[in-house]
Amino acid sequence: MANAPVGSKSNPSQFDILNKLADDEPYFVIRAHDPLSSALVELHAYIGAGQAGAAHNKLAEIMALTSAKAPRPASSPKYRETFAISLAMEQWRETHGED
């Protein structure tokens, strides 16, 4: 059997944090199953590296991908929960500090 891809459960990234999360630390998982997953992770990397031009281009690509599919309605429980997680992350950082 071939080695599991890096960043998987069987072959975590050297920067994997799941075992390092505080019990009360909110987190959000983007799975490879999500058609936007690779583009979103790449966007995050570009932003973190300060590559504004590449980030802008990747965001444009993501917007083009999402325009082909009807958006999830704002009343969707999954949509609302995603924003609740985002808010919880912001509040957690305010209490615990940032890395």
PDB file of N, CA and C in Angstrom:
ATOM      1  N   MET A   1       0.843  -1.187   0.000  1.00  0.00           N
ATOM      2  CA  MET A   1       0.000   0.000   0.000  1.00  0.00           C
ATOM      3  C   MET A   1       0.889   1.253   0.000  1.00  0.00           C
ATOM      4  N   ALA A   2       0.536   2.216  -0.785  1.00  0.00           N
ATOM      5  CA  ALA A   2       1.298   3.463  -0.871  1.00  0.00           C
ATOM      6  C   ALA A   2       1.141   4.256   0.423  1.00  0.00           C
ATOM      7  N   ASN A   3       2.099   5.124   0.665  1.00  0.00           N
ATOM      8  CA  ASN A   3       2.009   5.983   1.844  1.00  0.00           C
ATOM      9  C   ASN A   3       0.795   6.892   1.736  1.00  0.00           C
ATOM     10  N   ALA A   4       0.193   7.166   2.878  1.00  0.00           N
ATOM     11  CA  ALA A   4      -0.945   8.083   2.911  1.00  0.00           C
ATOM     12  C   ALA A   4      -0.456   9.496   2.572  1.00  0.00           C
ATOM     13  N   PRO A   5      -1.282  10.303   1.938  1.00  0.00           N
ATOM     14  CA  PRO A   5      -0.861  11.666   1.589  1.00  0.00           C
ATOM     15  C   PRO A   5      -0.586  12.503   2.840  1.00  0.00           C
ATOM     16  N   VAL A   6       0.366  13.408   2.715  1.00  0.00           N
ATOM     17  CA  VAL A   6       0.684  14.293   3.827  1.00  0.00           C
ATOM     18  C   VAL A   6      -0.541  15.113   4.200  1.00  0.00           C
ATOM     19  N   GLY A   7      -0.723  15.305   5.480  1.00  0.00           N
ATOM     20  CA  GLY A   7      -1.872  16.060   5.962  1.00  0.00           C
ATOM     21  C   GLY A   7      -3.092  15.183   6.203  1.00  0.00           C
ATOM     22  N   SER A   8      -2.948  13.878   6.054  1.00  0.00           N
ATOM     23  CA  SER A   8      -4.070  12.971   6.308  1.00  0.00           C
ATOM     24  C   SER A   8      -4.000  12.456   7.742  1.00  0.00           C
ATOM     25  N   LYS A   9      -5.050  11.770   8.161  1.00  0.00           N
ATOM     26  CA  LYS A   9      -5.077  11.186   9.496  1.00  0.00           C
ATOM     27  C   LYS A   9      -3.920  10.209   9.693  1.00  0.00           C
ATOM     28  N   SER A  10      -3.618   9.444   8.649  1.00  0.00           N
ATOM     29  CA  SER A  10      -2.556   8.439   8.728  1.00  0.00           C
ATOM     30  C   SER A  10      -1.160   9.031   8.586  1.00  0.00           C
ATOM     31  N   ASN A  11      -1.058  10.200   8.001  1.00  0.00           N
ATOM     32  CA  ASN A  11       0.242  10.841   7.781  1.00  0.00           C
ATOM     33  C   ASN A  11       0.101  12.344   8.052  1.00  0.00           C
ATOM     34  N   PRO A  12      -0.043  12.724   9.327  1.00  0.00           N
ATOM     35  CA  PRO A  12      -0.247  14.139   9.642  1.00  0.00           C
ATOM     36  C   PRO A  12       0.927  15.005   9.212  1.00  0.00           C
ATOM     37  N   SER A  13       0.631  16.236   8.885  1.00  0.00           N
ATOM     38  CA  SER A  13       1.653  17.228   8.576  1.00  0.00           C
ATOM     39  C   SER A  13       2.514  17.442   9.811  1.00  0.00           C
ATOM     40  N   GLN A  14       3.754  17.853   9.608  1.00  0.00           N
ATOM     41  CA  GLN A  14       4.608  18.167  10.757  1.00  0.00           C
ATOM     42  C   GLN A  14       4.045  19.345  11.546  1.00  0.00           C
ATOM     43  N   PHE A  15       3.131  20.088  10.952  1.00  0.00           N
ATOM     44  CA  PHE A  15       2.529  21.239  11.619  1.00  0.00           C
ATOM     45  C   PHE A  15       1.104  20.939  12.099  1.00  0.00           C
ATOM     46  N   ASP A  16       0.704  19.680  12.052  1.00  0.00           N
ATOM     47  CA  ASP A  16      -0.632  19.276  12.478  1.00  0.00           C
ATOM     48  C   ASP A  16      -0.884  19.720  13.919  1.00  0.00           C
ATOM     49  N   ILE A  17      -2.059  20.224  14.169  1.00  0.00           N
ATOM     50  CA  ILE A  17      -2.347  20.782  15.490  1.00  0.00           C
ATOM     51  C   ILE A  17      -3.491  20.075  16.219  1.00  0.00           C
ATOM     52  N   LEU A  18      -4.123  19.107  15.606  1.00  0.00           N
ATOM     53  CA  LEU A  18      -5.302  18.522  16.243  1.00  0.00           C
ATOM     54  C   LEU A  18      -5.019  18.008  17.648  1.00  0.00           C
ATOM     55  N   ASN A  19      -3.866  17.384  17.869  1.00  0.00           N
ATOM     56  CA  ASN A  19      -3.540  16.891  19.204  1.00  0.00           C
ATOM     57  C   ASN A  19      -3.071  17.997  20.136  1.00  0.00           C
ATOM     58  N   LYS A  20      -2.839  19.190  19.592  1.00  0.00           N
ATOM     59  CA  LYS A  20      -2.362  20.318  20.396  1.00  0.00           C
ATOM     60  C   LYS A  20      -3.484  21.283  20.777  1.00  0.00           C
ATOM     61  N   LEU A  21      -4.686  21.078  20.227  1.00  0.00           N
ATOM     62  CA  LEU A  21      -5.791  21.987  20.517  1.00  0.00           C
ATOM     63  C   LEU A  21      -6.129  21.971  22.003  1.00  0.00           C
ATOM     64  N   ALA A  22      -6.369  23.150  22.547  1.00  0.00           N
ATOM     65  CA  ALA A  22      -6.899  23.227  23.910  1.00  0.00           C
ATOM     66  C   ALA A  22      -8.326  22.677  23.883  1.00  0.00           C
ATOM     67  N   ASP A  23      -8.774  22.143  25.003  1.00  0.00           N
ATOM     68  CA  ASP A  23     -10.115  21.553  25.051  1.00  0.00           C
ATOM     69  C   ASP A  23     -11.206  22.537  24.659  1.00  0.00           C
ATOM     70  N   ASP A  24     -10.970  23.823  24.923  1.00  0.00           N
ATOM     71  CA  ASP A  24     -11.991  24.824  24.618  1.00  0.00           C
ATOM     72  C   ASP A  24     -11.677  25.623  23.350  1.00  0.00           C
ATOM     73  N   GLU A  25     -10.662  25.196  22.586  1.00  0.00           N
ATOM     74  CA  GLU A  25     -10.264  25.947  21.399  1.00  0.00           C
ATOM     75  C   GLU A  25     -11.113  25.566  20.190  1.00  0.00           C
ATOM     76  N   PRO A  26     -11.840  26.523  19.611  1.00  0.00           N
ATOM     77  CA  PRO A  26     -12.641  26.224  18.424  1.00  0.00           C
ATOM     78  C   PRO A  26     -11.737  25.927  17.224  1.00  0.00           C
ATOM     79  N   TYR A  27     -12.207  25.066  16.341  1.00  0.00           N
ATOM     80  CA  TYR A  27     -11.463  24.758  15.120  1.00  0.00           C
ATOM     81  C   TYR A  27     -12.446  24.464  13.995  1.00  0.00           C
ATOM     82  N   PHE A  28     -11.933  24.494  12.779  1.00  0.00           N
ATOM     83  CA  PHE A  28     -12.747  24.274  11.587  1.00  0.00           C
ATOM     84  C   PHE A  28     -11.937  23.391  10.647  1.00  0.00           C
ATOM     85  N   VAL A  29     -12.523  22.331  10.180  1.00  0.00           N
ATOM     86  CA  VAL A  29     -11.829  21.380   9.309  1.00  0.00           C
ATOM     87  C   VAL A  29     -12.346  21.531   7.878  1.00  0.00           C
ATOM     88  N   ILE A  30     -11.421  21.614   6.942  1.00  0.00           N
ATOM     89  CA  ILE A  30     -11.766  21.609   5.524  1.00  0.00           C
ATOM     90  C   ILE A  30     -11.253  20.291   4.960  1.00  0.00           C
ATOM     91  N   ARG A  31     -12.162  19.456   4.504  1.00  0.00           N
ATOM     92  CA  ARG A  31     -11.809  18.138   3.983  1.00  0.00           C
ATOM     93  C   ARG A  31     -11.538  18.192   2.487  1.00  0.00           C
ATOM     94  N   ALA A  32     -10.728  17.262   2.013  1.00  0.00           N
ATOM     95  CA  ALA A  32     -10.442  17.165   0.583  1.00  0.00           C
ATOM     96  C   ALA A  32     -11.721  16.918  -0.216  1.00  0.00           C
ATOM     97  N   HIS A  33     -12.720  16.339   0.410  1.00  0.00           N
ATOM     98  CA  HIS A  33     -14.000  16.069  -0.252  1.00  0.00           C
ATOM     99  C   HIS A  33     -14.668  17.359  -0.727  1.00  0.00           C
ATOM    100  N   ASP A  34     -14.423  18.463  -0.044  1.00  0.00           N
ATOM    101  CA  ASP A  34     -14.990  19.759  -0.412  1.00  0.00           C
ATOM    102  C   ASP A  34     -14.312  20.238  -1.694  1.00  0.00           C
ATOM    103  N   PRO A  35     -15.067  20.533  -2.749  1.00  0.00           N
ATOM    104  CA  PRO A  35     -14.450  20.946  -4.010  1.00  0.00           C
ATOM    105  C   PRO A  35     -13.617  22.226  -3.909  1.00  0.00           C
ATOM    106  N   LEU A  36     -13.836  23.031  -2.897  1.00  0.00           N
ATOM    107  CA  LEU A  36     -13.066  24.261  -2.726  1.00  0.00           C
ATOM    108  C   LEU A  36     -11.856  24.073  -1.810  1.00  0.00           C
ATOM    109  N   SER A  37     -11.691  22.902  -1.236  1.00  0.00           N
ATOM    110  CA  SER A  37     -10.686  22.694  -0.194  1.00  0.00           C
ATOM    111  C   SER A  37      -9.278  23.093  -0.611  1.00  0.00           C
ATOM    112  N   SER A  38      -8.804  22.592  -1.727  1.00  0.00           N
ATOM    113  CA  SER A  38      -7.416  22.877  -2.112  1.00  0.00           C
ATOM    114  C   SER A  38      -7.223  24.364  -2.395  1.00  0.00           C
ATOM    115  N   ALA A  39      -8.196  24.994  -3.033  1.00  0.00           N
ATOM    116  CA  ALA A  39      -8.083  26.422  -3.330  1.00  0.00           C
ATOM    117  C   ALA A  39      -8.119  27.254  -2.050  1.00  0.00           C
ATOM    118  N   LEU A  40      -8.946  26.871  -1.084  1.00  0.00           N
ATOM    119  CA  LEU A  40      -9.013  27.611   0.174  1.00  0.00           C
ATOM    120  C   LEU A  40      -7.722  27.484   0.977  1.00  0.00           C
ATOM    121  N   VAL A  41      -7.152  26.296   0.996  1.00  0.00           N
ATOM    122  CA  VAL A  41      -5.892  26.093   1.715  1.00  0.00           C
ATOM    123  C   VAL A  41      -4.777  26.865   1.026  1.00  0.00           C
ATOM    124  N   GLU A  42      -4.772  26.866  -0.295  1.00  0.00           N
ATOM    125  CA  GLU A  42      -3.772  27.623  -1.044  1.00  0.00           C
ATOM    126  C   GLU A  42      -3.924  29.124  -0.781  1.00  0.00           C
ATOM    127  N   LEU A  43      -5.154  29.611  -0.748  1.00  0.00           N
ATOM    128  CA  LEU A  43      -5.407  31.012  -0.440  1.00  0.00           C
ATOM    129  C   LEU A  43      -4.848  31.361   0.931  1.00  0.00           C
ATOM    130  N   HIS A  44      -5.101  30.515   1.906  1.00  0.00           N
ATOM    131  CA  HIS A  44      -4.583  30.725   3.259  1.00  0.00           C
ATOM    132  C   HIS A  44      -3.054  30.812   3.241  1.00  0.00           C
ATOM    133  N   ALA A  45      -2.419  29.937   2.490  1.00  0.00           N
ATOM    134  CA  ALA A  45      -0.951  29.938   2.406  1.00  0.00           C
ATOM    135  C   ALA A  45      -0.444  31.225   1.760  1.00  0.00           C
ATOM    136  N   TYR A  46      -1.076  31.654   0.677  1.00  0.00           N
ATOM    137  CA  TYR A  46      -0.658  32.895   0.011  1.00  0.00           C
ATOM    138  C   TYR A  46      -0.798  34.098   0.947  1.00  0.00           C
ATOM    139  N   ILE A  47      -1.904  34.168   1.662  1.00  0.00           N
ATOM    140  CA  ILE A  47      -2.120  35.282   2.583  1.00  0.00           C
ATOM    141  C   ILE A  47      -1.067  35.253   3.684  1.00  0.00           C
ATOM    142  N   GLY A  48      -0.829  34.071   4.254  1.00  0.00           N
ATOM    143  CA  GLY A  48       0.160  33.933   5.313  1.00  0.00           C
ATOM    144  C   GLY A  48       1.566  34.283   4.870  1.00  0.00           C
ATOM    145  N   ALA A  49       1.859  34.056   3.590  1.00  0.00           N
ATOM    146  CA  ALA A  49       3.186  34.352   3.047  1.00  0.00           C
ATOM    147  C   ALA A  49       3.296  35.796   2.548  1.00  0.00           C
ATOM    148  N   GLY A  50       2.202  36.546   2.659  1.00  0.00           N
ATOM    149  CA  GLY A  50       2.229  37.938   2.217  1.00  0.00           C
ATOM    150  C   GLY A  50       2.243  38.095   0.710  1.00  0.00           C
ATOM    151  N   GLN A  51       1.773  37.096  -0.016  1.00  0.00           N
ATOM    152  CA  GLN A  51       1.744  37.148  -1.471  1.00  0.00           C
ATOM    153  C   GLN A  51       0.365  37.634  -1.931  1.00  0.00           C
ATOM    154  N   ALA A  52       0.177  38.943  -1.837  1.00  0.00           N
ATOM    155  CA  ALA A  52      -1.134  39.539  -2.106  1.00  0.00           C
ATOM    156  C   ALA A  52      -1.627  39.280  -3.526  1.00  0.00           C
ATOM    157  N   GLY A  53      -0.745  39.382  -4.502  1.00  0.00           N
ATOM    158  CA  GLY A  53      -1.159  39.166  -5.892  1.00  0.00           C
ATOM    159  C   GLY A  53      -1.650  37.748  -6.122  1.00  0.00           C
ATOM    160  N   ALA A  54      -0.898  36.766  -5.619  1.00  0.00           N
ATOM    161  CA  ALA A  54      -1.298  35.365  -5.769  1.00  0.00           C
ATOM    162  C   ALA A  54      -2.585  35.095  -4.997  1.00  0.00           C
ATOM    163  N   ALA A  55      -2.717  35.718  -3.815  1.00  0.00           N
ATOM    164  CA  ALA A  55      -3.939  35.546  -3.024  1.00  0.00           C
ATOM    165  C   ALA A  55      -5.143  36.114  -3.765  1.00  0.00           C
ATOM    166  N   HIS A  56      -4.965  37.272  -4.361  1.00  0.00           N
ATOM    167  CA  HIS A  56      -6.043  37.901  -5.129  1.00  0.00           C
ATOM    168  C   HIS A  56      -6.471  36.999  -6.279  1.00  0.00           C
ATOM    169  N   ASN A  57      -5.497  36.450  -6.997  1.00  0.00           N
ATOM    170  CA  ASN A  57      -5.810  35.560  -8.120  1.00  0.00           C
ATOM    171  C   ASN A  57      -6.525  34.302  -7.659  1.00  0.00           C
ATOM    172  N   LYS A  58      -6.082  33.741  -6.535  1.00  0.00           N
ATOM    173  CA  LYS A  58      -6.714  32.522  -6.024  1.00  0.00           C
ATOM    174  C   LYS A  58      -8.131  32.814  -5.564  1.00  0.00           C
ATOM    175  N   LEU A  59      -8.340  33.971  -4.927  1.00  0.00           N
ATOM    176  CA  LEU A  59      -9.690  34.343  -4.509  1.00  0.00           C
ATOM    177  C   LEU A  59     -10.599  34.502  -5.721  1.00  0.00           C
ATOM    178  N   ALA A  60     -10.083  35.094  -6.789  1.00  0.00           N
ATOM    179  CA  ALA A  60     -10.873  35.230  -8.024  1.00  0.00           C
ATOM    180  C   ALA A  60     -11.242  33.853  -8.568  1.00  0.00           C
ATOM    181  N   GLU A  61     -10.302  32.917  -8.492  1.00  0.00           N
ATOM    182  CA  GLU A  61     -10.577  31.540  -8.940  1.00  0.00           C
ATOM    183  C   GLU A  61     -11.675  30.907  -8.082  1.00  0.00           C
ATOM    184  N   ILE A  62     -11.596  31.108  -6.780  1.00  0.00           N
ATOM    185  CA  ILE A  62     -12.604  30.565  -5.864  1.00  0.00           C
ATOM    186  C   ILE A  62     -13.972  31.164  -6.169  1.00  0.00           C
ATOM    187  N   MET A  63     -14.021  32.464  -6.401  1.00  0.00           N
ATOM    188  CA  MET A  63     -15.295  33.115  -6.709  1.00  0.00           C
ATOM    189  C   MET A  63     -15.878  32.593  -8.014  1.00  0.00           C
ATOM    190  N   ALA A  64     -15.022  32.329  -8.989  1.00  0.00           N
ATOM    191  CA  ALA A  64     -15.495  31.766 -10.257  1.00  0.00           C
ATOM    192  C   ALA A  64     -16.055  30.362 -10.038  1.00  0.00           C
ATOM    193  N   LEU A  65     -15.386  29.574  -9.207  1.00  0.00           N
ATOM    194  CA  LEU A  65     -15.873  28.225  -8.912  1.00  0.00           C
ATOM    195  C   LEU A  65     -17.224  28.269  -8.217  1.00  0.00           C
ATOM    196  N   THR A  66     -17.371  29.208  -7.286  1.00  0.00           N
ATOM    197  CA  THR A  66     -18.623  29.266  -6.525  1.00  0.00           C
ATOM    198  C   THR A  66     -19.766  29.870  -7.322  1.00  0.00           C
ATOM    199  N   SER A  67     -19.470  30.664  -8.334  1.00  0.00           N
ATOM    200  CA  SER A  67     -20.549  31.271  -9.115  1.00  0.00           C
ATOM    201  C   SER A  67     -21.277  30.245  -9.971  1.00  0.00           C
ATOM    202  N   ALA A  68     -20.658  29.108 -10.191  1.00  0.00           N
ATOM    203  CA  ALA A  68     -21.267  28.057 -11.007  1.00  0.00           C
ATOM    204  C   ALA A  68     -22.308  27.260 -10.228  1.00  0.00           C
ATOM    205  N   LYS A  69     -22.332  27.417  -8.915  1.00  0.00           N
ATOM    206  CA  LYS A  69     -23.251  26.650  -8.071  1.00  0.00           C
ATOM    207  C   LYS A  69     -24.060  27.619  -7.223  1.00  0.00           C
ATOM    208  N   ALA A  70     -25.324  27.316  -7.049  1.00  0.00           N
ATOM    209  CA  ALA A  70     -26.169  28.174  -6.220  1.00  0.00           C
ATOM    210  C   ALA A  70     -25.612  28.230  -4.804  1.00  0.00           C
ATOM    211  N   PRO A  71     -25.587  29.417  -4.197  1.00  0.00           N
ATOM    212  CA  PRO A  71     -25.050  29.535  -2.840  1.00  0.00           C
ATOM    213  C   PRO A  71     -25.947  28.849  -1.822  1.00  0.00           C
ATOM    214  N   ARG A  72     -25.325  28.459  -0.718  1.00  0.00           N
ATOM    215  CA  ARG A  72     -26.096  27.902   0.393  1.00  0.00           C
ATOM    216  C   ARG A  72     -26.925  29.043   0.971  1.00  0.00           C
ATOM    217  N   PRO A  73     -28.213  28.819   1.221  1.00  0.00           N
ATOM    218  CA  PRO A  73     -29.043  29.906   1.754  1.00  0.00           C
ATOM    219  C   PRO A  73     -28.551  30.357   3.128  1.00  0.00           C
ATOM    220  N   ALA A  74     -28.689  31.636   3.403  1.00  0.00           N
ATOM    221  CA  ALA A  74     -28.246  32.189   4.686  1.00  0.00           C
ATOM    222  C   ALA A  74     -28.960  31.541   5.860  1.00  0.00           C
ATOM    223  N   SER A  75     -30.109  30.941   5.612  1.00  0.00           N
ATOM    224  CA  SER A  75     -30.850  30.282   6.692  1.00  0.00           C
ATOM    225  C   SER A  75     -30.338  28.860   6.960  1.00  0.00           C
ATOM    226  N   SER A  76     -29.395  28.388   6.165  1.00  0.00           N
ATOM    227  CA  SER A  76     -28.864  27.042   6.334  1.00  0.00           C
ATOM    228  C   SER A  76     -28.183  26.893   7.694  1.00  0.00           C
ATOM    229  N   PRO A  77     -28.493  25.836   8.437  1.00  0.00           N
ATOM    230  CA  PRO A  77     -27.827  25.619   9.732  1.00  0.00           C
ATOM    231  C   PRO A  77     -26.302  25.494   9.588  1.00  0.00           C
ATOM    232  N   LYS A  78     -25.843  24.888   8.515  1.00  0.00           N
ATOM    233  CA  LYS A  78     -24.397  24.743   8.303  1.00  0.00           C
ATOM    234  C   LYS A  78     -23.748  26.105   8.084  1.00  0.00           C
ATOM    235  N   TYR A  79     -24.394  26.957   7.321  1.00  0.00           N
ATOM    236  CA  TYR A  79     -23.911  28.316   7.062  1.00  0.00           C
ATOM    237  C   TYR A  79     -23.826  29.101   8.364  1.00  0.00           C
ATOM    238  N   ARG A  80     -24.899  29.054   9.149  1.00  0.00           N
ATOM    239  CA  ARG A  80     -24.936  29.793  10.414  1.00  0.00           C
ATOM    240  C   ARG A  80     -23.891  29.260  11.395  1.00  0.00           C
ATOM    241  N   GLU A  81     -23.717  27.942  11.432  1.00  0.00           N
ATOM    242  CA  GLU A  81     -22.731  27.373  12.349  1.00  0.00           C
ATOM    243  C   GLU A  81     -21.305  27.785  11.965  1.00  0.00           C
ATOM    244  N   THR A  82     -21.028  27.884  10.668  1.00  0.00           N
ATOM    245  CA  THR A  82     -19.701  28.309  10.229  1.00  0.00           C
ATOM    246  C   THR A  82     -19.382  29.698  10.763  1.00  0.00           C
ATOM    247  N   PHE A  83     -20.340  30.609  10.705  1.00  0.00           N
ATOM    248  CA  PHE A  83     -20.128  31.946  11.248  1.00  0.00           C
ATOM    249  C   PHE A  83     -20.016  31.916  12.770  1.00  0.00           C
ATOM    250  N   ALA A  84     -20.755  31.031  13.423  1.00  0.00           N
ATOM    251  CA  ALA A  84     -20.643  30.896  14.881  1.00  0.00           C
ATOM    252  C   ALA A  84     -19.243  30.419  15.266  1.00  0.00           C
ATOM    253  N   ILE A  85     -18.671  29.506  14.485  1.00  0.00           N
ATOM    254  CA  ILE A  85     -17.311  29.024  14.744  1.00  0.00           C
ATOM    255  C   ILE A  85     -16.319  30.158  14.546  1.00  0.00           C
ATOM    256  N   SER A  86     -16.490  30.939  13.494  1.00  0.00           N
ATOM    257  CA  SER A  86     -15.608  32.075  13.238  1.00  0.00           C
ATOM    258  C   SER A  86     -15.632  33.051  14.413  1.00  0.00           C
ATOM    259  N   LEU A  87     -16.806  33.364  14.901  1.00  0.00           N
ATOM    260  CA  LEU A  87     -16.941  34.271  16.037  1.00  0.00           C
ATOM    261  C   LEU A  87     -16.299  33.664  17.285  1.00  0.00           C
ATOM    262  N   ALA A  88     -16.523  32.370  17.509  1.00  0.00           N
ATOM    263  CA  ALA A  88     -15.930  31.693  18.667  1.00  0.00           C
ATOM    264  C   ALA A  88     -14.413  31.730  18.599  1.00  0.00           C
ATOM    265  N   MET A  89     -13.852  31.584  17.394  1.00  0.00           N
ATOM    266  CA  MET A  89     -12.394  31.657  17.224  1.00  0.00           C
ATOM    267  C   MET A  89     -11.875  33.039  17.601  1.00  0.00           C
ATOM    268  N   GLU A  90     -12.560  34.065  17.128  1.00  0.00           N
ATOM    269  CA  GLU A  90     -12.152  35.443  17.429  1.00  0.00           C
ATOM    270  C   GLU A  90     -12.208  35.703  18.927  1.00  0.00           C
ATOM    271  N   GLN A  91     -13.284  35.277  19.560  1.00  0.00           N
ATOM    272  CA  GLN A  91     -13.433  35.476  20.998  1.00  0.00           C
ATOM    273  C   GLN A  91     -12.393  34.672  21.780  1.00  0.00           C
ATOM    274  N   TRP A  92     -12.086  33.462  21.322  1.00  0.00           N
ATOM    275  CA  TRP A  92     -11.087  32.629  21.994  1.00  0.00           C
ATOM    276  C   TRP A  92      -9.722  33.304  21.952  1.00  0.00           C
ATOM    277  N   ARG A  93      -9.362  33.844  20.782  1.00  0.00           N
ATOM    278  CA  ARG A  93      -8.067  34.540  20.649  1.00  0.00           C
ATOM    279  C   ARG A  93      -7.998  35.760  21.567  1.00  0.00           C
ATOM    280  N   GLU A  94      -9.102  36.489  21.694  1.00  0.00           N
ATOM    281  CA  GLU A  94      -9.131  37.656  22.577  1.00  0.00           C
ATOM    282  C   GLU A  94      -8.856  37.255  24.026  1.00  0.00           C
ATOM    283  N   THR A  95      -9.306  36.074  24.409  1.00  0.00           N
ATOM    284  CA  THR A  95      -9.140  35.583  25.776  1.00  0.00           C
ATOM    285  C   THR A  95      -7.788  34.919  25.996  1.00  0.00           C
ATOM    286  N   HIS A  96      -7.324  34.162  24.990  1.00  0.00           N
ATOM    287  CA  HIS A  96      -6.123  33.328  25.144  1.00  0.00           C
ATOM    288  C   HIS A  96      -4.885  33.868  24.437  1.00  0.00           C
ATOM    289  N   GLY A  97      -5.046  34.867  23.603  1.00  0.00           N
ATOM    290  CA  GLY A  97      -3.911  35.405  22.846  1.00  0.00           C
ATOM    291  C   GLY A  97      -3.686  34.626  21.572  1.00  0.00           C
ATOM    292  N   GLU A  98      -2.887  35.197  20.679  1.00  0.00           N
ATOM    293  CA  GLU A  98      -2.564  34.580  19.384  1.00  0.00           C
ATOM    294  C   GLU A  98      -1.167  33.994  19.435  1.00  0.00           C
ATOM    295  N   ASP A  99      -0.914  33.031  18.560  1.00  0.00           N
ATOM    296  CA  ASP A  99       0.443  32.450  18.457  1.00  0.00           C
ATOM    297  C   ASP A  99       1.354  33.399  17.735  1.00  0.00           C
TER     298      ASP A  99
END
